[in-house]
C-alpha cells in the first residue's frame, strides 16, 4: 500500500477521533455547541473525505488495471487537505469565540487549501481513469465481449 494511502486513512481515523471527542464535549457541555461547525467539518472533511481519498487512491487504479497517473500529486493533496482542514477548524473556533476577523481569515485560507486538494484529487483520478490499460488500446463498451465469454458469472445464477 502506498504511503499516501496509509496517510489518508490514518488522518481519517485521527479526524474521526477528534470529531467524536468534540461531539462528546458538546454533549457534556451544551454551551459548547457554538463549536458544532468545527465538529461537523472534522467529521465530514476529516473523516469521510479523507477516507474516500485514501480508498480512492488505492482502489481505482486496481479496478482499472492501470497505475495512478501522478504519484507526487497525492502527497501535495494530503498536505493541502490536512493543513486546510486544520485552519478551517481553528477558524470556526475563533469565530465562535468572538475573534471574527482572525477566524474569517483562517476559514477562507483553510477552505482555499482544502479546495485545492479536492481539485488535485479530481485531476489525478480523472486522468487515471482516462489512461488506457498498459499494452492495450481503449475500446468502446459496444466492442466488449459478453460477460459469459469472459468467465464472469451472470446475474440470476446462470453459470
N, C-alpha and C. Protein backbone atom coordinates (compact mmCIF):
# COMPACT_ATOMS: atom_id res chain seq x y z
N UNK A 1 0.85 -1.17 0.00
CA UNK A 1 0.00 0.00 0.00
C UNK A 1 0.90 1.24 0.00
N UNK A 2 0.56 2.21 -0.84
CA UNK A 2 1.34 3.44 -0.93
C UNK A 2 1.28 4.23 0.38
N UNK A 3 2.36 4.96 0.66
CA UNK A 3 2.41 5.71 1.91
C UNK A 3 1.30 6.74 1.99
N UNK A 4 0.95 7.37 0.86
CA UNK A 4 -0.07 8.41 0.92
C UNK A 4 -1.46 7.82 1.17
N UNK A 5 -1.68 6.58 0.75
CA UNK A 5 -2.95 5.92 1.06
C UNK A 5 -3.05 5.70 2.57
N UNK A 6 -1.98 5.16 3.15
CA UNK A 6 -1.96 4.96 4.61
C UNK A 6 -2.11 6.29 5.34
N UNK A 7 -1.48 7.33 4.82
CA UNK A 7 -1.56 8.64 5.47
C UNK A 7 -2.98 9.19 5.45
N UNK A 8 -3.68 9.04 4.32
CA UNK A 8 -5.07 9.49 4.26
C UNK A 8 -5.93 8.67 5.22
N UNK A 9 -5.73 7.36 5.27
CA UNK A 9 -6.53 6.52 6.16
C UNK A 9 -6.25 6.83 7.62
N UNK A 10 -4.99 7.03 7.98
CA UNK A 10 -4.66 7.38 9.36
C UNK A 10 -5.20 8.77 9.72
N UNK A 11 -5.13 9.69 8.77
CA UNK A 11 -5.70 11.02 9.01
C UNK A 11 -7.20 10.92 9.24
N UNK A 12 -7.86 10.08 8.45
CA UNK A 12 -9.31 9.89 8.60
C UNK A 12 -9.64 9.41 10.01
N UNK A 13 -8.87 8.44 10.50
CA UNK A 13 -9.13 7.91 11.84
C UNK A 13 -8.83 8.98 12.90
N UNK A 14 -7.77 9.75 12.71
CA UNK A 14 -7.44 10.81 13.68
C UNK A 14 -8.54 11.88 13.71
N UNK A 15 -9.04 12.29 12.53
CA UNK A 15 -10.11 13.28 12.48
C UNK A 15 -11.40 12.71 13.07
N UNK A 16 -11.66 11.42 12.87
CA UNK A 16 -12.83 10.79 13.49
C UNK A 16 -12.74 10.87 15.00
N UNK A 17 -11.57 10.57 15.53
CA UNK A 17 -11.36 10.64 16.98
C UNK A 17 -11.57 12.06 17.49
N UNK A 18 -10.97 13.04 16.82
CA UNK A 18 -11.12 14.44 17.24
C UNK A 18 -12.57 14.90 17.13
N UNK A 19 -13.22 14.56 16.03
CA UNK A 19 -14.62 14.94 15.84
C UNK A 19 -15.53 14.28 16.85
N UNK A 20 -15.27 13.02 17.15
CA UNK A 20 -16.05 12.31 18.16
C UNK A 20 -15.87 12.91 19.54
N UNK A 21 -14.63 13.25 19.88
CA UNK A 21 -14.37 13.90 21.17
C UNK A 21 -15.06 15.26 21.25
N UNK A 22 -15.04 16.00 20.15
CA UNK A 22 -15.72 17.30 20.13
C UNK A 22 -17.23 17.10 20.34
N UNK A 23 -17.79 16.08 19.73
CA UNK A 23 -19.21 15.79 19.91
C UNK A 23 -19.54 15.41 21.34
N UNK A 24 -18.68 14.60 21.96
CA UNK A 24 -18.89 14.23 23.36
C UNK A 24 -18.77 15.46 24.26
N UNK A 25 -17.81 16.32 23.96
CA UNK A 25 -17.64 17.55 24.76
C UNK A 25 -18.88 18.44 24.64
N UNK A 26 -19.44 18.53 23.45
CA UNK A 26 -20.65 19.34 23.28
C UNK A 26 -21.85 18.71 23.99
N UNK A 27 -21.88 17.39 24.04
CA UNK A 27 -22.97 16.72 24.75
C UNK A 27 -22.85 16.96 26.26
N UNK A 28 -21.62 16.97 26.75
CA UNK A 28 -21.39 17.18 28.18
C UNK A 28 -21.58 18.64 28.58
N UNK A 29 -21.22 19.55 27.71
CA UNK A 29 -21.32 20.99 27.99
C UNK A 29 -22.11 21.65 26.87
N UNK A 30 -23.42 21.73 26.98
CA UNK A 30 -24.27 22.26 25.90
C UNK A 30 -23.87 23.66 25.41
N UNK A 31 -23.25 24.46 26.26
CA UNK A 31 -22.82 25.79 25.82
C UNK A 31 -21.70 25.71 24.77
N UNK A 32 -21.07 24.57 24.65
CA UNK A 32 -20.02 24.40 23.64
C UNK A 32 -20.58 24.06 22.26
N UNK A 33 -21.88 24.00 22.12
CA UNK A 33 -22.45 23.71 20.81
C UNK A 33 -22.17 24.83 19.81
N UNK A 34 -21.63 25.95 20.27
CA UNK A 34 -21.21 27.00 19.33
C UNK A 34 -20.07 26.50 18.44
N UNK A 35 -19.44 25.40 18.82
CA UNK A 35 -18.34 24.83 18.04
C UNK A 35 -18.80 23.70 17.11
N UNK A 36 -20.11 23.59 16.89
CA UNK A 36 -20.61 22.47 16.07
C UNK A 36 -20.13 22.52 14.63
N UNK A 37 -19.86 23.70 14.09
CA UNK A 37 -19.34 23.76 12.71
C UNK A 37 -17.96 23.11 12.63
N UNK A 38 -17.13 23.35 13.64
CA UNK A 38 -15.81 22.71 13.68
C UNK A 38 -15.98 21.19 13.80
N UNK A 39 -16.88 20.76 14.67
CA UNK A 39 -17.17 19.34 14.87
C UNK A 39 -17.63 18.70 13.55
N UNK A 40 -18.55 19.34 12.85
CA UNK A 40 -19.08 18.79 11.60
C UNK A 40 -17.98 18.69 10.54
N UNK A 41 -17.13 19.70 10.44
CA UNK A 41 -16.07 19.67 9.43
C UNK A 41 -15.00 18.63 9.78
N UNK A 42 -14.73 18.42 11.06
CA UNK A 42 -13.79 17.36 11.45
C UNK A 42 -14.30 16.00 10.97
N UNK A 43 -15.61 15.80 11.10
CA UNK A 43 -16.17 14.50 10.70
C UNK A 43 -16.37 14.39 9.19
N UNK A 44 -16.85 15.45 8.54
CA UNK A 44 -17.14 15.35 7.10
C UNK A 44 -15.89 15.50 6.24
N UNK A 45 -15.17 16.60 6.39
CA UNK A 45 -13.94 16.76 5.60
C UNK A 45 -12.81 15.92 6.17
N UNK A 46 -12.81 15.75 7.48
CA UNK A 46 -11.74 15.00 8.12
C UNK A 46 -11.90 13.51 7.94
N UNK A 47 -12.96 12.96 8.53
CA UNK A 47 -13.12 11.51 8.46
C UNK A 47 -13.63 11.04 7.09
N UNK A 48 -14.79 11.52 6.68
CA UNK A 48 -15.43 10.99 5.47
C UNK A 48 -14.58 11.26 4.22
N UNK A 49 -14.20 12.51 4.01
CA UNK A 49 -13.46 12.84 2.79
C UNK A 49 -12.07 12.18 2.77
N UNK A 50 -11.36 12.21 3.89
CA UNK A 50 -10.02 11.59 3.92
C UNK A 50 -10.11 10.08 3.67
N UNK A 51 -11.15 9.46 4.20
CA UNK A 51 -11.34 8.02 3.95
C UNK A 51 -11.61 7.79 2.46
N UNK A 52 -12.46 8.61 1.87
CA UNK A 52 -12.75 8.48 0.44
C UNK A 52 -11.49 8.69 -0.39
N UNK A 53 -10.69 9.70 -0.04
CA UNK A 53 -9.46 9.96 -0.79
C UNK A 53 -8.51 8.77 -0.69
N UNK A 54 -8.30 8.26 0.52
CA UNK A 54 -7.38 7.13 0.69
C UNK A 54 -7.84 5.89 -0.05
N UNK A 55 -9.12 5.56 0.11
CA UNK A 55 -9.66 4.38 -0.57
C UNK A 55 -9.65 4.59 -2.08
N UNK A 56 -9.99 5.79 -2.52
CA UNK A 56 -9.99 6.09 -3.96
C UNK A 56 -8.62 5.94 -4.58
N UNK A 57 -7.61 6.50 -3.92
CA UNK A 57 -6.25 6.39 -4.45
C UNK A 57 -5.77 4.93 -4.47
N UNK A 58 -6.28 4.11 -3.57
CA UNK A 58 -5.86 2.71 -3.52
C UNK A 58 -6.64 1.83 -4.50
N UNK A 59 -7.95 2.01 -4.53
CA UNK A 59 -8.82 1.08 -5.24
C UNK A 59 -8.95 1.38 -6.74
N UNK A 60 -9.09 2.63 -7.10
CA UNK A 60 -9.38 2.96 -8.51
C UNK A 60 -8.29 2.46 -9.46
N UNK A 61 -7.01 2.66 -9.17
CA UNK A 61 -6.01 2.09 -10.10
C UNK A 61 -6.10 0.57 -10.20
N UNK A 62 -6.47 -0.10 -9.13
CA UNK A 62 -6.60 -1.55 -9.17
C UNK A 62 -7.85 -1.98 -9.94
N UNK A 63 -8.92 -1.21 -9.83
CA UNK A 63 -10.13 -1.53 -10.58
C UNK A 63 -9.90 -1.45 -12.08
N UNK A 64 -9.16 -0.45 -12.51
CA UNK A 64 -8.99 -0.26 -13.95
C UNK A 64 -7.72 -0.93 -14.48
N UNK A 65 -6.87 -1.43 -13.59
CA UNK A 65 -5.67 -2.14 -14.02
C UNK A 65 -4.60 -1.24 -14.60
N UNK A 66 -4.57 -0.01 -14.16
CA UNK A 66 -3.60 0.96 -14.66
C UNK A 66 -3.07 1.76 -13.47
N UNK A 67 -1.77 2.03 -13.42
CA UNK A 67 -1.24 2.78 -12.27
C UNK A 67 -1.78 4.20 -12.20
N UNK A 68 -1.69 4.76 -11.02
CA UNK A 68 -2.13 6.14 -10.82
C UNK A 68 -1.30 7.06 -11.71
N UNK A 69 -1.92 8.07 -12.27
CA UNK A 69 -1.26 8.91 -13.27
C UNK A 69 -0.07 9.67 -12.71
N UNK A 70 -0.23 10.26 -11.56
CA UNK A 70 0.82 11.10 -10.98
C UNK A 70 1.00 10.71 -9.53
N UNK A 71 2.13 10.12 -9.19
CA UNK A 71 2.34 9.63 -7.82
C UNK A 71 2.81 10.72 -6.86
N UNK A 72 3.15 11.90 -7.37
CA UNK A 72 3.55 13.00 -6.48
C UNK A 72 2.37 13.85 -6.04
N UNK A 73 1.34 13.93 -6.85
CA UNK A 73 0.19 14.77 -6.56
C UNK A 73 -0.53 14.38 -5.27
N UNK A 74 -0.71 13.09 -4.95
CA UNK A 74 -1.38 12.75 -3.69
C UNK A 74 -0.63 13.26 -2.45
N UNK A 75 0.68 13.39 -2.54
CA UNK A 75 1.45 13.95 -1.42
C UNK A 75 1.05 15.40 -1.19
N UNK A 76 1.03 16.18 -2.26
CA UNK A 76 0.59 17.57 -2.15
C UNK A 76 -0.85 17.64 -1.66
N UNK A 77 -1.68 16.75 -2.18
CA UNK A 77 -3.09 16.71 -1.77
C UNK A 77 -3.21 16.45 -0.27
N UNK A 78 -2.45 15.49 0.26
CA UNK A 78 -2.53 15.16 1.69
C UNK A 78 -2.17 16.38 2.54
N UNK A 79 -1.09 17.06 2.20
CA UNK A 79 -0.68 18.23 2.97
C UNK A 79 -1.71 19.35 2.87
N UNK A 80 -2.20 19.62 1.68
CA UNK A 80 -3.20 20.68 1.50
C UNK A 80 -4.49 20.36 2.25
N UNK A 81 -4.95 19.12 2.15
CA UNK A 81 -6.22 18.73 2.78
C UNK A 81 -6.13 18.85 4.30
N UNK A 82 -5.05 18.35 4.89
CA UNK A 82 -4.94 18.38 6.34
C UNK A 82 -4.65 19.78 6.88
N UNK A 83 -3.76 20.51 6.22
CA UNK A 83 -3.49 21.88 6.66
C UNK A 83 -4.72 22.75 6.49
N UNK A 84 -5.42 22.57 5.37
CA UNK A 84 -6.62 23.35 5.12
C UNK A 84 -7.71 23.06 6.15
N UNK A 85 -7.92 21.80 6.46
CA UNK A 85 -8.94 21.46 7.45
C UNK A 85 -8.56 21.97 8.83
N UNK A 86 -7.31 21.85 9.19
CA UNK A 86 -6.86 22.36 10.48
C UNK A 86 -7.12 23.86 10.59
N UNK A 87 -6.79 24.60 9.54
CA UNK A 87 -7.06 26.05 9.54
C UNK A 87 -8.56 26.33 9.61
N UNK A 88 -9.35 25.54 8.93
CA UNK A 88 -10.80 25.74 8.99
C UNK A 88 -11.34 25.50 10.40
N UNK A 89 -10.89 24.44 11.04
CA UNK A 89 -11.34 24.15 12.41
C UNK A 89 -10.94 25.28 13.35
N UNK A 90 -9.70 25.74 13.22
CA UNK A 90 -9.25 26.87 14.04
C UNK A 90 -10.11 28.10 13.74
N UNK A 91 -10.41 28.34 12.48
CA UNK A 91 -11.25 29.47 12.10
C UNK A 91 -12.64 29.40 12.70
N UNK A 92 -13.25 28.22 12.68
CA UNK A 92 -14.57 28.06 13.28
C UNK A 92 -14.52 28.32 14.78
N UNK A 93 -13.47 27.84 15.43
CA UNK A 93 -13.33 28.03 16.88
C UNK A 93 -13.11 29.51 17.19
N UNK A 94 -12.25 30.18 16.40
CA UNK A 94 -12.00 31.61 16.62
C UNK A 94 -13.27 32.44 16.43
N UNK A 95 -14.01 32.15 15.38
CA UNK A 95 -15.25 32.91 15.13
C UNK A 95 -16.26 32.69 16.25
N UNK A 96 -16.39 31.45 16.72
CA UNK A 96 -17.33 31.16 17.80
C UNK A 96 -16.89 31.81 19.10
N UNK A 97 -15.59 32.05 19.23
CA UNK A 97 -15.05 32.67 20.45
C UNK A 97 -15.02 34.19 20.38
N UNK A 98 -15.45 34.75 19.27
CA UNK A 98 -15.54 36.20 19.15
C UNK A 98 -14.45 36.86 18.32
N UNK A 99 -13.47 36.12 17.86
CA UNK A 99 -12.41 36.67 17.02
C UNK A 99 -12.81 36.52 15.55
N UNK A 100 -13.76 37.33 15.13
CA UNK A 100 -14.36 37.16 13.82
C UNK A 100 -13.36 37.40 12.70
N UNK A 101 -12.57 38.44 12.80
CA UNK A 101 -11.63 38.77 11.72
C UNK A 101 -10.58 37.67 11.53
N UNK A 102 -9.94 37.25 12.61
CA UNK A 102 -8.93 36.19 12.52
C UNK A 102 -9.59 34.88 12.10
N UNK A 103 -10.78 34.61 12.61
CA UNK A 103 -11.49 33.39 12.27
C UNK A 103 -11.86 33.34 10.80
N UNK A 104 -12.30 34.48 10.27
CA UNK A 104 -12.66 34.53 8.86
C UNK A 104 -11.43 34.32 7.98
N UNK A 105 -10.30 34.91 8.36
CA UNK A 105 -9.06 34.72 7.61
C UNK A 105 -8.67 33.23 7.61
N UNK A 106 -8.71 32.59 8.79
CA UNK A 106 -8.34 31.18 8.89
C UNK A 106 -9.30 30.31 8.07
N UNK A 107 -10.59 30.62 8.15
CA UNK A 107 -11.58 29.85 7.38
C UNK A 107 -11.37 29.98 5.89
N UNK A 108 -11.17 31.19 5.42
CA UNK A 108 -11.01 31.36 3.97
C UNK A 108 -9.70 30.75 3.49
N UNK A 109 -8.64 30.89 4.26
CA UNK A 109 -7.36 30.27 3.89
C UNK A 109 -7.47 28.76 3.90
N UNK A 110 -8.05 28.22 4.94
CA UNK A 110 -8.21 26.77 5.04
C UNK A 110 -9.12 26.21 3.97
N UNK A 111 -10.20 26.93 3.68
CA UNK A 111 -11.11 26.49 2.62
C UNK A 111 -10.43 26.48 1.27
N UNK A 112 -9.59 27.47 1.02
CA UNK A 112 -8.85 27.53 -0.24
C UNK A 112 -7.89 26.35 -0.36
N UNK A 113 -7.17 26.05 0.71
CA UNK A 113 -6.24 24.91 0.69
C UNK A 113 -6.99 23.60 0.50
N UNK A 114 -8.09 23.44 1.24
CA UNK A 114 -8.88 22.21 1.11
C UNK A 114 -9.45 22.07 -0.30
N UNK A 115 -9.93 23.17 -0.86
CA UNK A 115 -10.45 23.15 -2.22
C UNK A 115 -9.38 22.79 -3.23
N UNK A 116 -8.16 23.31 -3.03
CA UNK A 116 -7.06 22.96 -3.94
C UNK A 116 -6.76 21.47 -3.87
N UNK A 117 -6.82 20.89 -2.67
CA UNK A 117 -6.62 19.46 -2.52
C UNK A 117 -7.68 18.65 -3.25
N UNK A 118 -8.92 19.10 -3.17
CA UNK A 118 -10.01 18.41 -3.87
C UNK A 118 -9.81 18.47 -5.38
N UNK A 119 -9.34 19.60 -5.88
CA UNK A 119 -9.07 19.73 -7.31
C UNK A 119 -7.96 18.76 -7.73
N UNK A 120 -6.93 18.63 -6.91
CA UNK A 120 -5.85 17.69 -7.20
C UNK A 120 -6.39 16.27 -7.27
N UNK A 121 -7.22 15.89 -6.29
CA UNK A 121 -7.81 14.55 -6.27
C UNK A 121 -8.62 14.30 -7.54
N UNK A 122 -9.46 15.26 -7.88
CA UNK A 122 -10.29 15.11 -9.08
C UNK A 122 -9.43 14.96 -10.33
N UNK A 123 -8.38 15.76 -10.44
CA UNK A 123 -7.49 15.70 -11.60
C UNK A 123 -6.80 14.33 -11.68
N UNK A 124 -6.24 13.88 -10.57
CA UNK A 124 -5.49 12.61 -10.57
C UNK A 124 -6.42 11.44 -10.90
N UNK A 125 -7.58 11.40 -10.27
CA UNK A 125 -8.50 10.29 -10.53
C UNK A 125 -9.02 10.35 -11.96
N UNK A 126 -9.40 11.53 -12.42
CA UNK A 126 -9.94 11.67 -13.78
C UNK A 126 -8.91 11.22 -14.81
N UNK A 127 -7.68 11.71 -14.68
CA UNK A 127 -6.65 11.36 -15.67
C UNK A 127 -6.22 9.90 -15.55
N UNK A 128 -6.30 9.35 -14.35
CA UNK A 128 -6.00 7.92 -14.18
C UNK A 128 -7.07 7.09 -14.88
N UNK A 129 -8.33 7.49 -14.74
CA UNK A 129 -9.42 6.77 -15.40
C UNK A 129 -9.33 6.86 -16.92
N UNK A 130 -8.76 7.95 -17.43
CA UNK A 130 -8.64 8.14 -18.87
C UNK A 130 -7.47 7.39 -19.49
N UNK A 131 -6.56 6.86 -18.68
CA UNK A 131 -5.41 6.15 -19.23
C UNK A 131 -5.83 4.81 -19.81
N UNK A 132 -5.34 4.49 -20.99
CA UNK A 132 -5.61 3.14 -21.50
C UNK A 132 -4.82 2.12 -20.68
N UNK A 133 -5.30 0.91 -20.65
CA UNK A 133 -4.58 -0.14 -19.94
C UNK A 133 -3.23 -0.36 -20.59
N UNK A 134 -2.20 -0.69 -19.80
CA UNK A 134 -0.88 -0.89 -20.39
C UNK A 134 -0.89 -1.98 -21.45
N UNK A 135 -0.37 -1.66 -22.62
CA UNK A 135 -0.27 -2.61 -23.70
C UNK A 135 -1.56 -2.89 -24.44
N UNK A 136 -2.63 -2.15 -24.12
CA UNK A 136 -3.91 -2.36 -24.80
C UNK A 136 -4.51 -1.03 -25.19
N UNK A 137 -5.18 -1.03 -26.32
CA UNK A 137 -5.86 0.19 -26.72
C UNK A 137 -7.23 0.21 -26.04
N UNK A 138 -7.71 1.39 -25.75
CA UNK A 138 -9.04 1.50 -25.18
C UNK A 138 -10.06 1.15 -26.25
N UNK A 139 -11.09 0.42 -25.88
CA UNK A 139 -12.13 0.11 -26.86
C UNK A 139 -13.48 0.46 -26.26
N UNK A 140 -14.40 0.84 -27.14
CA UNK A 140 -15.73 1.20 -26.65
C UNK A 140 -16.45 0.01 -26.03
N UNK A 141 -17.38 0.27 -25.14
CA UNK A 141 -18.13 -0.79 -24.48
C UNK A 141 -18.86 -1.66 -25.50
N UNK A 142 -19.28 -1.07 -26.61
CA UNK A 142 -20.01 -1.84 -27.62
C UNK A 142 -19.16 -2.96 -28.21
N UNK A 143 -17.83 -2.84 -28.13
CA UNK A 143 -16.94 -3.88 -28.66
C UNK A 143 -16.54 -4.91 -27.62
N UNK A 144 -16.94 -4.72 -26.38
CA UNK A 144 -16.54 -5.64 -25.31
C UNK A 144 -17.21 -6.99 -25.51
N UNK A 145 -16.48 -8.06 -25.23
CA UNK A 145 -17.10 -9.38 -25.35
C UNK A 145 -18.18 -9.56 -24.28
N UNK A 146 -19.15 -10.43 -24.51
CA UNK A 146 -20.18 -10.65 -23.49
C UNK A 146 -19.58 -11.19 -22.20
N UNK A 147 -20.26 -10.97 -21.09
CA UNK A 147 -19.75 -11.40 -19.79
C UNK A 147 -19.49 -12.89 -19.75
N UNK A 148 -20.38 -13.68 -20.36
CA UNK A 148 -20.25 -15.14 -20.32
C UNK A 148 -18.92 -15.59 -20.92
N UNK A 149 -18.46 -14.95 -22.00
CA UNK A 149 -17.22 -15.36 -22.65
C UNK A 149 -16.00 -14.92 -21.86
N UNK A 150 -16.17 -14.00 -20.90
CA UNK A 150 -15.05 -13.58 -20.07
C UNK A 150 -14.96 -14.40 -18.79
N UNK A 151 -15.82 -15.38 -18.63
CA UNK A 151 -15.77 -16.25 -17.47
C UNK A 151 -16.37 -15.61 -16.23
N UNK A 152 -17.18 -14.55 -16.40
CA UNK A 152 -17.80 -13.88 -15.28
C UNK A 152 -19.20 -14.44 -15.05
N UNK A 153 -19.61 -14.58 -13.79
CA UNK A 153 -20.95 -15.11 -13.53
C UNK A 153 -22.01 -14.12 -14.01
N UNK A 154 -23.09 -14.66 -14.51
CA UNK A 154 -24.20 -13.84 -14.97
C UNK A 154 -25.17 -13.63 -13.82
N UNK A 155 -25.95 -12.55 -13.89
CA UNK A 155 -26.96 -12.29 -12.88
C UNK A 155 -28.00 -13.38 -12.90
N UNK A 156 -28.52 -13.73 -11.74
CA UNK A 156 -29.58 -14.74 -11.65
C UNK A 156 -29.05 -16.16 -11.53
N UNK A 157 -27.74 -16.33 -11.39
CA UNK A 157 -27.17 -17.64 -11.15
C UNK A 157 -26.87 -18.46 -12.39
N UNK A 158 -27.05 -17.93 -13.61
CA UNK A 158 -26.72 -18.67 -14.83
C UNK A 158 -25.20 -18.79 -14.95
N UNK A 159 -24.70 -19.99 -14.82
CA UNK A 159 -23.25 -20.16 -14.91
C UNK A 159 -22.87 -21.23 -15.86
